[in-house]
Amino acid sequence: MLGVARSQNTEVTHVKVHGALYNAAAVDERLATAIARAVRDVDSALWLVGMCGSEIIEAGLTAGLRVAREVFADRAYQADGKLVPRHLPGAVHMEVSLVVRQALDMVTQGFGSPKGLLPLSAASGYPCPPTLYVFTGTGRMP
């Protein structure tokens, strides 16, 4: 991937594992550690992106990487800070007003996770900045 980017006169700045691997690394310390170490070994300047409050964030910090805590403005969360599974009703917010309100709440009030309320503002002093994700792949949101 890095070689392809360089051949096109661009660069890779971050790594975010996707799908089932993303979800597994959020809760599996060993998997998260393996991913973080692999990223560090390839290029320690890369950012590691992971779900706010997850194992992959902790593993990235432990590996000495810069990390970006990801939150999802258009997804519903369970009380433990995990995403509501997509197959359940209400898992994906389809109303723009709800997505906007959740995004604003996340940025101004923080994000609730199993580890407590995590501040998301850049001024919070938390060792990694947030990234706000909005998935519009359902084709139903304007």
Protein backbone atom coordinates (compact mmCIF):
# COMPACT_ATOMS: atom_id res chain seq x y z
CA MET A 1 0.00 0.00 0.00
CA LEU A 2 2.79 2.42 0.88
CA GLY A 3 4.58 1.64 -2.38
CA VAL A 4 1.45 2.25 -4.45
CA ALA A 5 0.89 5.57 -2.69
CA ARG A 6 4.47 6.66 -3.30
CA SER A 7 4.25 5.66 -6.98
CA GLN A 8 1.31 8.04 -7.28
CA ASN A 9 3.13 10.89 -5.50
CA THR A 10 0.95 10.68 -2.43
CA GLU A 11 1.33 9.25 1.03
CA VAL A 12 -0.51 7.06 3.46
CA THR A 13 -1.12 8.94 6.70
CA HIS A 14 -3.20 6.53 8.76
CA VAL A 15 -4.35 2.95 9.13
CA LYS A 16 -7.86 1.89 9.97
CA VAL A 17 -8.71 -1.78 9.91
CA HIS A 18 -12.19 -2.40 8.51
CA GLY A 19 -15.34 -4.39 9.16
CA ALA A 20 -15.17 -7.49 11.31
CA LEU A 21 -11.46 -6.96 12.00
CA TYR A 22 -12.20 -3.42 13.25
CA ASN A 23 -14.92 -4.72 15.56
CA ALA A 24 -12.80 -7.60 16.83
CA ALA A 25 -9.78 -5.36 17.49
CA ALA A 26 -11.99 -3.01 19.49
CA VAL A 27 -12.50 -5.68 22.16
CA ASP A 28 -9.63 -8.17 21.74
CA GLU A 29 -6.47 -6.91 23.42
CA ARG A 30 -4.19 -9.47 21.75
CA LEU A 31 -5.50 -8.70 18.27
CA ALA A 32 -5.34 -4.96 18.89
CA THR A 33 -1.75 -5.27 20.11
CA ALA A 34 -0.75 -7.30 17.04
CA ILE A 35 -2.27 -4.70 14.71
CA ALA A 36 -0.65 -1.78 16.55
CA ARG A 37 2.76 -3.46 16.51
CA ALA A 38 2.43 -4.26 12.80
CA VAL A 39 1.59 -0.64 12.01
CA ARG A 40 4.48 0.60 14.13
CA ASP A 41 6.89 -1.85 12.48
CA VAL A 42 5.87 -0.73 8.99
CA ASP A 43 5.92 3.02 9.71
CA SER A 44 5.78 4.47 13.19
CA ALA A 45 4.69 7.85 11.77
CA LEU A 46 1.32 6.43 10.69
CA TRP A 47 -1.76 7.28 12.73
CA LEU A 48 -3.84 4.35 13.99
CA VAL A 49 -7.59 4.95 13.87
CA GLY A 50 -9.90 3.02 16.18
CA MET A 51 -13.15 3.21 18.05
CA CYS A 52 -13.13 5.59 20.96
CA GLY A 53 -12.49 3.75 24.22
CA SER A 54 -11.45 0.54 22.48
CA GLU A 55 -8.55 -1.85 22.92
CA ILE A 56 -6.95 -0.75 19.65
CA ILE A 57 -6.61 2.81 20.94
CA GLU A 58 -4.88 1.59 24.09
CA ALA A 59 -2.68 -0.76 22.05
CA GLY A 60 -1.72 2.06 19.69
CA LEU A 61 -0.75 4.33 22.56
CA THR A 62 1.25 1.54 24.19
CA ALA A 63 3.05 0.92 20.87
CA GLY A 64 3.99 4.59 20.73
CA LEU A 65 1.74 5.44 17.80
CA ARG A 66 -0.36 8.53 17.32
CA VAL A 67 -3.98 7.47 17.50
CA ALA A 68 -7.30 8.98 16.45
CA ARG A 69 -10.39 8.04 18.45
CA GLU A 70 -13.29 7.43 16.13
CA VAL A 71 -16.91 8.04 16.99
CA PHE A 72 -19.91 7.47 14.77
CA ALA A 73 -22.39 10.31 14.47
CA ASP A 74 -24.97 8.24 12.66
CA ARG A 75 -24.89 5.09 14.78
CA ALA A 76 -26.66 4.17 17.98
CA TYR A 77 -24.57 3.08 20.96
CA GLN A 78 -25.23 0.52 23.67
CA ALA A 79 -24.75 1.36 27.34
CA ASP A 80 -21.30 -0.29 27.28
CA GLY A 81 -20.07 2.08 24.56
CA LYS A 82 -20.26 -0.46 21.74
CA LEU A 83 -22.22 0.13 18.59
CA VAL A 84 -25.72 -1.30 18.35
CA PRO A 85 -25.45 -4.17 15.82
CA ARG A 86 -26.66 -3.10 12.39
CA HIS A 87 -29.26 -5.86 12.20
CA LEU A 88 -31.18 -4.33 15.12
CA PRO A 89 -33.81 -1.63 14.59
CA GLY A 90 -32.52 1.88 15.23
CA ALA A 91 -28.85 0.92 14.85
CA VAL A 92 -28.32 3.51 12.12
CA HIS A 93 -29.74 6.99 12.54
CA MET A 94 -31.61 7.96 9.40
CA GLU A 95 -32.71 11.46 10.40
CA VAL A 96 -30.22 14.21 9.65
CA SER A 97 -31.29 16.17 12.72
CA LEU A 98 -30.48 13.21 14.99
CA VAL A 99 -27.07 12.72 13.37
CA VAL A 100 -26.25 16.41 13.75
CA ARG A 101 -27.41 16.47 17.38
CA GLN A 102 -25.38 13.36 18.25
CA ALA A 103 -22.30 14.78 16.50
CA LEU A 104 -22.58 18.05 18.40
CA ASP A 105 -23.12 16.24 21.70
CA MET A 106 -20.07 14.04 21.08
CA VAL A 107 -17.86 17.04 20.36
CA THR A 108 -19.15 19.33 23.11
CA GLN A 109 -19.95 16.87 25.90
CA GLY A 110 -17.76 13.87 25.17
CA PHE A 111 -18.39 10.26 24.44
CA GLY A 112 -19.58 7.71 26.98
CA SER A 113 -17.60 4.51 26.98
CA PRO A 114 -17.00 1.64 29.39
CA LYS A 115 -14.05 3.66 30.69
CA GLY A 116 -16.22 6.68 31.50
CA LEU A 117 -16.91 9.91 29.66
CA LEU A 118 -14.09 10.57 27.22
CA PRO A 119 -13.61 14.18 26.13
CA LEU A 120 -13.51 14.70 22.39
CA SER A 121 -12.58 18.35 22.11
CA ALA A 122 -9.08 19.08 20.86
CA ALA A 123 -8.52 21.23 23.96
CA SER A 124 -9.28 18.35 26.31
CA GLY A 125 -5.65 17.36 26.65
CA TYR A 126 -6.51 13.72 25.90
CA PRO A 127 -3.53 12.18 24.08
CA CYS A 128 -5.35 11.56 20.82
CA PRO A 129 -7.65 13.69 18.70
CA PRO A 130 -11.09 12.54 17.64
CA THR A 131 -12.34 11.63 14.23
CA LEU A 132 -16.05 11.85 13.52
CA TYR A 133 -17.40 9.23 11.13
CA VAL A 134 -20.65 9.49 9.22
CA PHE A 135 -21.56 6.49 7.10
CA THR A 136 -24.07 7.30 4.40
CA GLY A 137 -23.87 3.99 2.57
CA THR A 138 -27.48 3.09 3.24
CA GLY A 139 -28.62 5.35 0.44
CA ARG A 140 -31.55 6.49 2.54
CA MET A 141 -30.11 9.58 4.19
CA PRO A 142 -30.37 12.82 2.21
